Structures are given as structure tokens and as C-alpha cells.
Amino acid sequence: LEELFGSTSAKVEFDDSELQIFKNIQDELNKSDRDL
């Protein structure tokens, strides 16, 4: 079960389609604009 569904000790990254979306989400949440 750990092999099929669990965490891995290897370094993992987003794929290309996920990376940009996550970065956009993170940037929007982190904006320090007082109007938001």
C-alpha cells in the first residue's frame, strides 16, 4: 500500500501543467496588496 499510494523518499515535483497553476495559486495567496 505504501508503494502504491504512500509518500516516497525521492524528491518529487509537479508536472508542467500542475506547476504553473500551483505557482499562480501561491502568488495570489501571498500577495501583500492591502486591497486584498
PDB file of all heavy atoms in Angstrom:
ATOM      1  N   LEU A   1       0.822  -1.204   0.000  1.00  0.00           N
ATOM      2  CA  LEU A   1       0.000   0.000   0.000  1.00  0.00           C
ATOM      3  C   LEU A   1       0.861   1.262   0.000  1.00  0.00           C
ATOM      4  O   LEU A   1       0.540   2.248  -0.660  1.00  0.00           O
ATOM      5  CB  LEU A   1      -0.922   0.004   1.220  1.00  0.00           C
ATOM      6  CG  LEU A   1      -2.092  -0.993   1.201  1.00  0.00           C
ATOM      7  CD1 LEU A   1      -2.863  -0.925   2.507  1.00  0.00           C
ATOM      8  CD2 LEU A   1      -3.020  -0.735   0.024  1.00  0.00           C
ATOM      9  N   GLU A   2       1.968   1.218   0.733  1.00  0.00           N
ATOM     10  CA  GLU A   2       2.849   2.382   0.781  1.00  0.00           C
ATOM     11  C   GLU A   2       3.486   2.640  -0.579  1.00  0.00           C
ATOM     12  O   GLU A   2       3.613   3.784  -1.013  1.00  0.00           O
ATOM     13  CB  GLU A   2       3.933   2.162   1.843  1.00  0.00           C
ATOM     14  CG  GLU A   2       4.772   3.383   2.154  1.00  0.00           C
ATOM     15  CD  GLU A   2       3.999   4.476   2.860  1.00  0.00           C
ATOM     16  OE1 GLU A   2       2.867   4.230   3.340  1.00  0.00           O
ATOM     17  OE2 GLU A   2       4.522   5.611   2.913  1.00  0.00           O
ATOM     18  N   GLU A   3       3.860   1.573  -1.264  1.00  0.00           N
ATOM     19  CA  GLU A   3       4.454   1.730  -2.592  1.00  0.00           C
ATOM     20  C   GLU A   3       3.458   2.316  -3.585  1.00  0.00           C
ATOM     21  O   GLU A   3       3.807   3.162  -4.415  1.00  0.00           O
ATOM     22  CB  GLU A   3       4.953   0.372  -3.111  1.00  0.00           C
ATOM     23  CG  GLU A   3       5.510   0.435  -4.522  1.00  0.00           C
ATOM     24  CD  GLU A   3       5.668  -0.939  -5.163  1.00  0.00           C
ATOM     25  OE1 GLU A   3       5.450  -1.953  -4.462  1.00  0.00           O
ATOM     26  OE2 GLU A   3       5.966  -0.992  -6.360  1.00  0.00           O
ATOM     27  N   LEU A   4       2.200   1.876  -3.495  1.00  0.00           N
ATOM     28  CA  LEU A   4       1.199   2.278  -4.478  1.00  0.00           C
ATOM     29  C   LEU A   4       0.549   3.622  -4.162  1.00  0.00           C
ATOM     30  O   LEU A   4       0.150   4.344  -5.088  1.00  0.00           O
ATOM     31  CB  LEU A   4       0.114   1.196  -4.572  1.00  0.00           C
ATOM     32  CG  LEU A   4       0.571  -0.168  -5.073  1.00  0.00           C
ATOM     33  CD1 LEU A   4      -0.578  -1.163  -5.004  1.00  0.00           C
ATOM     34  CD2 LEU A   4       1.100  -0.071  -6.498  1.00  0.00           C
ATOM     35  N   PHE A   5       0.412   3.954  -2.875  1.00  0.00           N
ATOM     36  CA  PHE A   5      -0.350   5.146  -2.511  1.00  0.00           C
ATOM     37  C   PHE A   5       0.373   6.081  -1.540  1.00  0.00           C
ATOM     38  O   PHE A   5      -0.101   7.197  -1.322  1.00  0.00           O
ATOM     39  CB  PHE A   5      -1.693   4.745  -1.886  1.00  0.00           C
ATOM     40  CG  PHE A   5      -2.540   3.863  -2.758  1.00  0.00           C
ATOM     41  CD1 PHE A   5      -2.619   2.502  -2.530  1.00  0.00           C
ATOM     42  CD2 PHE A   5      -3.253   4.397  -3.826  1.00  0.00           C
ATOM     43  CE1 PHE A   5      -3.408   1.680  -3.337  1.00  0.00           C
ATOM     44  CE2 PHE A   5      -4.033   3.593  -4.637  1.00  0.00           C
ATOM     45  CZ  PHE A   5      -4.114   2.223  -4.395  1.00  0.00           C
ATOM     46  N   GLY A   6       1.478   5.665  -0.957  1.00  0.00           N
ATOM     47  CA  GLY A   6       2.122   6.444   0.093  1.00  0.00           C
ATOM     48  C   GLY A   6       3.138   7.450  -0.411  1.00  0.00           C
ATOM     49  O   GLY A   6       3.341   7.632  -1.618  1.00  0.00           O
ATOM     50  N   SER A   7       3.785   8.104   0.543  1.00  0.00           N
ATOM     51  CA  SER A   7       4.835   9.067   0.221  1.00  0.00           C
ATOM     52  C   SER A   7       6.098   8.339  -0.206  1.00  0.00           C
ATOM     53  O   SER A   7       6.311   7.178   0.140  1.00  0.00           O
ATOM     54  CB  SER A   7       5.143   9.945   1.442  1.00  0.00           C
ATOM     55  OG  SER A   7       3.996  10.640   1.865  1.00  0.00           O
ATOM     56  N   THR A   8       6.924   9.026  -0.956  1.00  0.00           N
ATOM     57  CA  THR A   8       8.198   8.470  -1.387  1.00  0.00           C
ATOM     58  C   THR A   8       9.330   9.317  -0.839  1.00  0.00           C
ATOM     59  O   THR A   8       9.185  10.529  -0.652  1.00  0.00           O
ATOM     60  CB  THR A   8       8.284   8.411  -2.923  1.00  0.00           C
ATOM     61  OG1 THR A   8       9.582   7.949  -3.310  1.00  0.00           O
ATOM     62  CG2 THR A   8       8.049   9.782  -3.557  1.00  0.00           C
ATOM     63  N   SER A   9      10.446   8.675  -0.562  1.00  0.00           N
ATOM     64  CA  SER A   9      11.604   9.407  -0.050  1.00  0.00           C
ATOM     65  C   SER A   9      12.318  10.180  -1.150  1.00  0.00           C
ATOM     66  O   SER A   9      13.115  11.084  -0.873  1.00  0.00           O
ATOM     67  CB  SER A   9      12.588   8.433   0.615  1.00  0.00           C
ATOM     68  OG  SER A   9      12.990   7.417  -0.304  1.00  0.00           O
ATOM     69  N   ALA A  10      12.040   9.821  -2.399  1.00  0.00           N
ATOM     70  CA  ALA A  10      12.654  10.525  -3.525  1.00  0.00           C
ATOM     71  C   ALA A  10      12.053  11.918  -3.663  1.00  0.00           C
ATOM     72  O   ALA A  10      10.916  12.169  -3.259  1.00  0.00           O
ATOM     73  CB  ALA A  10      12.464   9.729  -4.809  1.00  0.00           C
ATOM     74  N   LYS A  11      12.819  12.820  -4.247  1.00  0.00           N
ATOM     75  CA  LYS A  11      12.327  14.170  -4.479  1.00  0.00           C
ATOM     76  C   LYS A  11      11.285  14.143  -5.584  1.00  0.00           C
ATOM     77  O   LYS A  11      11.515  13.585  -6.649  1.00  0.00           O
ATOM     78  CB  LYS A  11      13.479  15.102  -4.863  1.00  0.00           C
ATOM     79  CG  LYS A  11      13.056  16.562  -4.988  1.00  0.00           C
ATOM     80  CD  LYS A  11      14.241  17.465  -5.312  1.00  0.00           C
ATOM     81  CE  LYS A  11      13.790  18.917  -5.421  1.00  0.00           C
ATOM     82  NZ  LYS A  11      14.923  19.818  -5.743  1.00  0.00           N
ATOM     83  N   VAL A  12      10.133  14.723  -5.331  1.00  0.00           N
ATOM     84  CA  VAL A  12       9.048  14.742  -6.313  1.00  0.00           C
ATOM     85  C   VAL A  12       8.734  16.186  -6.678  1.00  0.00           C
ATOM     86  O   VAL A  12       8.908  17.107  -5.880  1.00  0.00           O
ATOM     87  CB  VAL A  12       7.786  14.027  -5.782  1.00  0.00           C
ATOM     88  CG1 VAL A  12       8.052  12.548  -5.584  1.00  0.00           C
ATOM     89  CG2 VAL A  12       7.312  14.652  -4.471  1.00  0.00           C
ATOM     90  N   GLU A  13       8.243  16.378  -7.891  1.00  0.00           N
ATOM     91  CA  GLU A  13       7.919  17.709  -8.382  1.00  0.00           C
ATOM     92  C   GLU A  13       6.575  17.672  -9.102  1.00  0.00           C
ATOM     93  O   GLU A  13       6.073  16.610  -9.457  1.00  0.00           O
ATOM     94  CB  GLU A  13       9.008  18.215  -9.336  1.00  0.00           C
ATOM     95  CG  GLU A  13      10.375  18.387  -8.695  1.00  0.00           C
ATOM     96  CD  GLU A  13      10.439  19.519  -7.682  1.00  0.00           C
ATOM     97  OE1 GLU A  13       9.489  20.345  -7.663  1.00  0.00           O
ATOM     98  OE2 GLU A  13      11.411  19.579  -6.911  1.00  0.00           O
ATOM     99  N   PHE A  14       6.010  18.859  -9.342  1.00  0.00           N
ATOM    100  CA  PHE A  14       4.818  18.974 -10.153  1.00  0.00           C
ATOM    101  C   PHE A  14       5.171  18.696 -11.615  1.00  0.00           C
ATOM    102  O   PHE A  14       6.316  18.907 -12.042  1.00  0.00           O
ATOM    103  CB  PHE A  14       4.232  20.385 -10.057  1.00  0.00           C
ATOM    104  CG  PHE A  14       3.696  20.742  -8.693  1.00  0.00           C
ATOM    105  CD1 PHE A  14       4.285  21.745  -7.938  1.00  0.00           C
ATOM    106  CD2 PHE A  14       2.597  20.078  -8.166  1.00  0.00           C
ATOM    107  CE1 PHE A  14       3.798  22.086  -6.701  1.00  0.00           C
ATOM    108  CE2 PHE A  14       2.100  20.410  -6.924  1.00  0.00           C
ATOM    109  CZ  PHE A  14       2.696  21.412  -6.185  1.00  0.00           C
ATOM    110  N   ASP A  15       4.179  18.236 -12.379  1.00  0.00           N
ATOM    111  CA  ASP A  15       4.415  18.175 -13.818  1.00  0.00           C
ATOM    112  C   ASP A  15       4.153  19.570 -14.398  1.00  0.00           C
ATOM    113  O   ASP A  15       3.776  20.508 -13.685  1.00  0.00           O
ATOM    114  CB  ASP A  15       3.570  17.089 -14.486  1.00  0.00           C
ATOM    115  CG  ASP A  15       2.072  17.398 -14.495  1.00  0.00           C
ATOM    116  OD1 ASP A  15       1.690  18.545 -14.169  1.00  0.00           O
ATOM    117  OD2 ASP A  15       1.281  16.495 -14.837  1.00  0.00           O
ATOM    118  N   ASP A  16       4.366  19.719 -15.694  1.00  0.00           N
ATOM    119  CA  ASP A  16       4.312  21.054 -16.305  1.00  0.00           C
ATOM    120  C   ASP A  16       2.952  21.722 -16.133  1.00  0.00           C
ATOM    121  O   ASP A  16       2.858  22.924 -15.865  1.00  0.00           O
ATOM    122  CB  ASP A  16       4.661  20.956 -17.794  1.00  0.00           C
ATOM    123  CG  ASP A  16       6.116  20.571 -18.018  1.00  0.00           C
ATOM    124  OD1 ASP A  16       6.909  20.746 -17.067  1.00  0.00           O
ATOM    125  OD2 ASP A  16       6.446  20.072 -19.108  1.00  0.00           O
ATOM    126  N   SER A  17       1.862  20.938 -16.308  1.00  0.00           N
ATOM    127  CA  SER A  17       0.520  21.523 -16.210  1.00  0.00           C
ATOM    128  C   SER A  17       0.189  21.926 -14.779  1.00  0.00           C
ATOM    129  O   SER A  17      -0.519  22.916 -14.543  1.00  0.00           O
ATOM    130  CB  SER A  17      -0.526  20.526 -16.733  1.00  0.00           C
ATOM    131  OG  SER A  17      -0.484  19.324 -15.993  1.00  0.00           O
ATOM    132  N   GLU A  18       0.699  21.195 -13.802  1.00  0.00           N
ATOM    133  CA  GLU A  18       0.414  21.491 -12.394  1.00  0.00           C
ATOM    134  C   GLU A  18       1.271  22.642 -11.868  1.00  0.00           C
ATOM    135  O   GLU A  18       0.804  23.445 -11.051  1.00  0.00           O
ATOM    136  CB  GLU A  18       0.665  20.250 -11.539  1.00  0.00           C
ATOM    137  CG  GLU A  18      -0.239  19.070 -11.862  1.00  0.00           C
ATOM    138  CD  GLU A  18       0.277  17.774 -11.285  1.00  0.00           C
ATOM    139  OE1 GLU A  18       1.465  17.714 -10.875  1.00  0.00           O
ATOM    140  OE2 GLU A  18      -0.500  16.787 -11.269  1.00  0.00           O
ATOM    141  N   LEU A  19       2.515  22.720 -12.334  1.00  0.00           N
ATOM    142  CA  LEU A  19       3.468  23.674 -11.769  1.00  0.00           C
ATOM    143  C   LEU A  19       2.993  25.114 -11.915  1.00  0.00           C
ATOM    144  O   LEU A  19       2.988  25.883 -10.945  1.00  0.00           O
ATOM    145  CB  LEU A  19       4.833  23.501 -12.429  1.00  0.00           C
ATOM    146  CG  LEU A  19       5.937  24.457 -11.967  1.00  0.00           C
ATOM    147  CD1 LEU A  19       6.178  24.289 -10.471  1.00  0.00           C
ATOM    148  CD2 LEU A  19       7.221  24.221 -12.758  1.00  0.00           C
ATOM    149  N   GLN A  20       2.580  25.493 -13.114  1.00  0.00           N
ATOM    150  CA  GLN A  20       2.182  26.879 -13.346  1.00  0.00           C
ATOM    151  C   GLN A  20       0.910  27.226 -12.595  1.00  0.00           C
ATOM    152  O   GLN A  20       0.766  28.322 -12.057  1.00  0.00           O
ATOM    153  CB  GLN A  20       2.001  27.129 -14.847  1.00  0.00           C
ATOM    154  CG  GLN A  20       1.791  28.595 -15.212  1.00  0.00           C
ATOM    155  CD  GLN A  20       2.946  29.468 -14.743  1.00  0.00           C
ATOM    156  OE1 GLN A  20       4.112  29.170 -14.987  1.00  0.00           O
ATOM    157  NE2 GLN A  20       2.626  30.557 -14.042  1.00  0.00           N
ATOM    158  N   ILE A  21      -0.020  26.271 -12.539  1.00  0.00           N
ATOM    159  CA  ILE A  21      -1.271  26.522 -11.810  1.00  0.00           C
ATOM    160  C   ILE A  21      -0.980  26.733 -10.329  1.00  0.00           C
ATOM    161  O   ILE A  21      -1.488  27.678  -9.704  1.00  0.00           O
ATOM    162  CB  ILE A  21      -2.258  25.355 -12.005  1.00  0.00           C
ATOM    163  CG1 ILE A  21      -2.628  25.197 -13.479  1.00  0.00           C
ATOM    164  CG2 ILE A  21      -3.517  25.575 -11.169  1.00  0.00           C
ATOM    165  CD1 ILE A  21      -3.448  23.955 -13.770  1.00  0.00           C
ATOM    166  N   PHE A  22      -0.167  25.856  -9.763  1.00  0.00           N
ATOM    167  CA  PHE A  22       0.146  25.982  -8.331  1.00  0.00           C
ATOM    168  C   PHE A  22       0.875  27.292  -8.050  1.00  0.00           C
ATOM    169  O   PHE A  22       0.603  27.957  -7.040  1.00  0.00           O
ATOM    170  CB  PHE A  22       0.985  24.796  -7.859  1.00  0.00           C
ATOM    171  CG  PHE A  22       1.322  24.855  -6.392  1.00  0.00           C
ATOM    172  CD1 PHE A  22       0.381  24.505  -5.445  1.00  0.00           C
ATOM    173  CD2 PHE A  22       2.569  25.298  -5.970  1.00  0.00           C
ATOM    174  CE1 PHE A  22       0.675  24.576  -4.087  1.00  0.00           C
ATOM    175  CE2 PHE A  22       2.874  25.375  -4.622  1.00  0.00           C
ATOM    176  CZ  PHE A  22       1.919  25.013  -3.680  1.00  0.00           C
ATOM    177  N   LYS A  23       1.786  27.680  -8.940  1.00  0.00           N
ATOM    178  CA  LYS A  23       2.513  28.937  -8.751  1.00  0.00           C
ATOM    179  C   LYS A  23       1.548  30.124  -8.781  1.00  0.00           C
ATOM    180  O   LYS A  23       1.679  31.054  -7.979  1.00  0.00           O
ATOM    181  CB  LYS A  23       3.584  29.096  -9.831  1.00  0.00           C
ATOM    182  CG  LYS A  23       4.519  30.285  -9.612  1.00  0.00           C
ATOM    183  CD  LYS A  23       5.599  30.319 -10.662  1.00  0.00           C
ATOM    184  CE  LYS A  23       6.589  31.456 -10.393  1.00  0.00           C
ATOM    185  NZ  LYS A  23       5.949  32.778 -10.257  1.00  0.00           N
ATOM    186  N   ASN A  24       0.573  30.083  -9.692  1.00  0.00           N
ATOM    187  CA  ASN A  24      -0.416  31.159  -9.754  1.00  0.00           C
ATOM    188  C   ASN A  24      -1.244  31.228  -8.473  1.00  0.00           C
ATOM    189  O   ASN A  24      -1.547  32.320  -7.963  1.00  0.00           O
ATOM    190  CB  ASN A  24      -1.336  30.972 -10.959  1.00  0.00           C
ATOM    191  CG  ASN A  24      -0.613  31.157 -12.280  1.00  0.00           C
ATOM    192  OD1 ASN A  24       0.456  31.767 -12.333  1.00  0.00           O
ATOM    193  ND2 ASN A  24      -1.186  30.629 -13.355  1.00  0.00           N
ATOM    194  N   ILE A  25      -1.630  30.052  -7.951  1.00  0.00           N
ATOM    195  CA  ILE A  25      -2.396  29.999  -6.699  1.00  0.00           C
ATOM    196  C   ILE A  25      -1.570  30.556  -5.554  1.00  0.00           C
ATOM    197  O   ILE A  25      -2.042  31.377  -4.747  1.00  0.00           O
ATOM    198  CB  ILE A  25      -2.837  28.552  -6.409  1.00  0.00           C
ATOM    199  CG1 ILE A  25      -3.853  28.076  -7.450  1.00  0.00           C
ATOM    200  CG2 ILE A  25      -3.424  28.438  -5.002  1.00  0.00           C
ATOM    201  CD1 ILE A  25      -4.189  26.605  -7.354  1.00  0.00           C
ATOM    202  N   GLN A  26      -0.332  30.112  -5.477  1.00  0.00           N
ATOM    203  CA  GLN A  26       0.554  30.555  -4.394  1.00  0.00           C
ATOM    204  C   GLN A  26       0.792  32.063  -4.450  1.00  0.00           C
ATOM    205  O   GLN A  26       0.756  32.745  -3.415  1.00  0.00           O
ATOM    206  CB  GLN A  26       1.877  29.794  -4.498  1.00  0.00           C
ATOM    207  CG  GLN A  26       2.749  29.850  -3.262  1.00  0.00           C
ATOM    208  CD  GLN A  26       3.923  28.914  -3.386  1.00  0.00           C
ATOM    209  OE1 GLN A  26       4.511  28.765  -4.453  1.00  0.00           O
ATOM    210  NE2 GLN A  26       4.298  28.270  -2.285  1.00  0.00           N
ATOM    211  N   ASP A  27       1.012  32.578  -5.659  1.00  0.00           N
ATOM    212  CA  ASP A  27       1.250  34.020  -5.814  1.00  0.00           C
ATOM    213  C   ASP A  27       0.020  34.827  -5.379  1.00  0.00           C
ATOM    214  O   ASP A  27       0.150  35.873  -4.736  1.00  0.00           O
ATOM    215  CB  ASP A  27       1.604  34.344  -7.265  1.00  0.00           C
ATOM    216  CG  ASP A  27       2.982  33.843  -7.658  1.00  0.00           C
ATOM    217  OD1 ASP A  27       3.764  33.502  -6.744  1.00  0.00           O
ATOM    218  OD2 ASP A  27       3.263  33.757  -8.870  1.00  0.00           O
ATOM    219  N   GLU A  28      -1.163  34.325  -5.741  1.00  0.00           N
ATOM    220  CA  GLU A  28      -2.394  35.042  -5.386  1.00  0.00           C
ATOM    221  C   GLU A  28      -2.603  35.059  -3.871  1.00  0.00           C
ATOM    222  O   GLU A  28      -2.999  36.075  -3.295  1.00  0.00           O
ATOM    223  CB  GLU A  28      -3.591  34.391  -6.073  1.00  0.00           C
ATOM    224  CG  GLU A  28      -4.898  35.140  -5.878  1.00  0.00           C
ATOM    225  CD  GLU A  28      -4.835  36.560  -6.434  1.00  0.00           C
ATOM    226  OE1 GLU A  28      -4.305  36.748  -7.555  1.00  0.00           O
ATOM    227  OE2 GLU A  28      -5.293  37.489  -5.727  1.00  0.00           O
ATOM    228  N   LEU A  29      -2.322  33.945  -3.221  1.00  0.00           N
ATOM    229  CA  LEU A  29      -2.492  33.870  -1.774  1.00  0.00           C
ATOM    230  C   LEU A  29      -1.462  34.713  -1.035  1.00  0.00           C
ATOM    231  O   LEU A  29      -1.742  35.253   0.042  1.00  0.00           O
ATOM    232  CB  LEU A  29      -2.397  32.407  -1.312  1.00  0.00           C
ATOM    233  CG  LEU A  29      -3.523  31.474  -1.759  1.00  0.00           C
ATOM    234  CD1 LEU A  29      -3.219  30.043  -1.352  1.00  0.00           C
ATOM    235  CD2 LEU A  29      -4.861  31.912  -1.183  1.00  0.00           C
ATOM    236  N   ASN A  30      -0.251  34.831  -1.611  1.00  0.00           N
ATOM    237  CA  ASN A  30       0.848  35.534  -0.937  1.00  0.00           C
ATOM    238  C   ASN A  30       0.863  37.036  -1.193  1.00  0.00           C
ATOM    239  O   ASN A  30       1.642  37.756  -0.555  1.00  0.00           O
ATOM    240  CB  ASN A  30       2.195  34.956  -1.376  1.00  0.00           C
ATOM    241  CG  ASN A  30       2.489  33.630  -0.702  1.00  0.00           C
ATOM    242  OD1 ASN A  30       1.984  33.364   0.379  1.00  0.00           O
ATOM    243  ND2 ASN A  30       3.286  32.794  -1.339  1.00  0.00           N
ATOM    244  N   LYS A  31       0.069  37.520  -2.121  1.00  0.00           N
ATOM    245  CA  LYS A  31       0.098  38.949  -2.447  1.00  0.00           C
ATOM    246  C   LYS A  31      -0.097  39.791  -1.186  1.00  0.00           C
ATOM    247  O   LYS A  31      -1.010  39.568  -0.411  1.00  0.00           O
ATOM    248  CB  LYS A  31      -1.007  39.286  -3.454  1.00  0.00           C
ATOM    249  CG  LYS A  31      -0.652  38.971  -4.893  1.00  0.00           C
ATOM    250  CD  LYS A  31      -1.783  39.392  -5.817  1.00  0.00           C
ATOM    251  CE  LYS A  31      -1.470  39.031  -7.271  1.00  0.00           C
ATOM    252  NZ  LYS A  31      -2.604  39.379  -8.163  1.00  0.00           N
ATOM    253  N   SER A  32       0.778  40.776  -1.027  1.00  0.00           N
ATOM    254  CA  SER A  32       0.712  41.632   0.161  1.00  0.00           C
ATOM    255  C   SER A  32      -0.084  42.907  -0.082  1.00  0.00           C
ATOM    256  O   SER A  32      -0.015  43.847   0.700  1.00  0.00           O
ATOM    257  CB  SER A  32       2.130  41.996   0.620  1.00  0.00           C
ATOM    258  OG  SER A  32       2.856  42.623  -0.427  1.00  0.00           O
ATOM    259  N   ASP A  33      -0.833  42.944  -1.170  1.00  0.00           N
ATOM    260  CA  ASP A  33      -1.662  44.100  -1.508  1.00  0.00           C
ATOM    261  C   ASP A  33      -2.726  44.321  -0.425  1.00  0.00           C
ATOM    262  O   ASP A  33      -3.525  43.420  -0.123  1.00  0.00           O
ATOM    263  CB  ASP A  33      -2.324  43.869  -2.872  1.00  0.00           C
ATOM    264  CG  ASP A  33      -3.025  45.110  -3.400  1.00  0.00           C
ATOM    265  OD1 ASP A  33      -3.277  46.029  -2.602  1.00  0.00           O
ATOM    266  OD2 ASP A  33      -3.312  45.145  -4.610  1.00  0.00           O
ATOM    267  N   ARG A  34      -2.746  45.513   0.163  1.00  0.00           N
ATOM    268  CA  ARG A  34      -3.694  45.795   1.249  1.00  0.00           C
ATOM    269  C   ARG A  34      -5.130  45.795   0.763  1.00  0.00           C
ATOM    270  O   ARG A  34      -6.063  45.632   1.564  1.00  0.00           O
ATOM    271  CB  ARG A  34      -3.349  47.138   1.891  1.00  0.00           C
ATOM    272  CG  ARG A  34      -2.002  47.156   2.607  1.00  0.00           C
ATOM    273  CD  ARG A  34      -1.762  48.474   3.290  1.00  0.00           C
ATOM    274  NE  ARG A  34      -2.747  48.729   4.341  1.00  0.00           N
ATOM    275  CZ  ARG A  34      -2.780  49.846   5.058  1.00  0.00           C
ATOM    276  NH1 ARG A  34      -1.902  50.818   4.821  1.00  0.00           N
ATOM    277  NH2 ARG A  34      -3.701  50.010   5.987  1.00  0.00           N
ATOM    278  N   ASP A  35      -5.329  45.966  -0.515  1.00  0.00           N
ATOM    279  CA  ASP A  35      -6.684  45.966  -1.066  1.00  0.00           C
ATOM    280  C   ASP A  35      -7.261  44.551  -1.175  1.00  0.00           C
ATOM    281  O   ASP A  35      -8.421  44.384  -1.566  1.00  0.00           O
ATOM    282  CB  ASP A  35      -6.699  46.615  -2.449  1.00  0.00           C
ATOM    283  CG  ASP A  35      -6.452  48.118  -2.372  1.00  0.00           C
ATOM    284  OD1 ASP A  35      -6.761  48.708  -1.314  1.00  0.00           O
ATOM    285  OD2 ASP A  35      -5.948  48.690  -3.359  1.00  0.00           O
ATOM    286  N   LEU A  36      -6.454  43.541  -0.857  1.00  0.00           N
ATOM    287  CA  LEU A  36      -6.908  42.149  -0.950  1.00  0.00           C
ATOM    288  C   LEU A  36      -7.009  41.489   0.418  1.00  0.00           C
ATOM    289  O   LEU A  36      -7.121  40.269   0.513  1.00  0.00           O
ATOM    290  CB  LEU A  36      -5.948  41.343  -1.840  1.00  0.00           C
ATOM    291  CG  LEU A  36      -5.844  41.788  -3.298  1.00  0.00           C
ATOM    292  CD1 LEU A  36      -4.803  40.957  -4.036  1.00  0.00           C
ATOM    293  CD2 LEU A  36      -7.196  41.668  -3.997  1.00  0.00           C
TER     294      LEU A  36
END
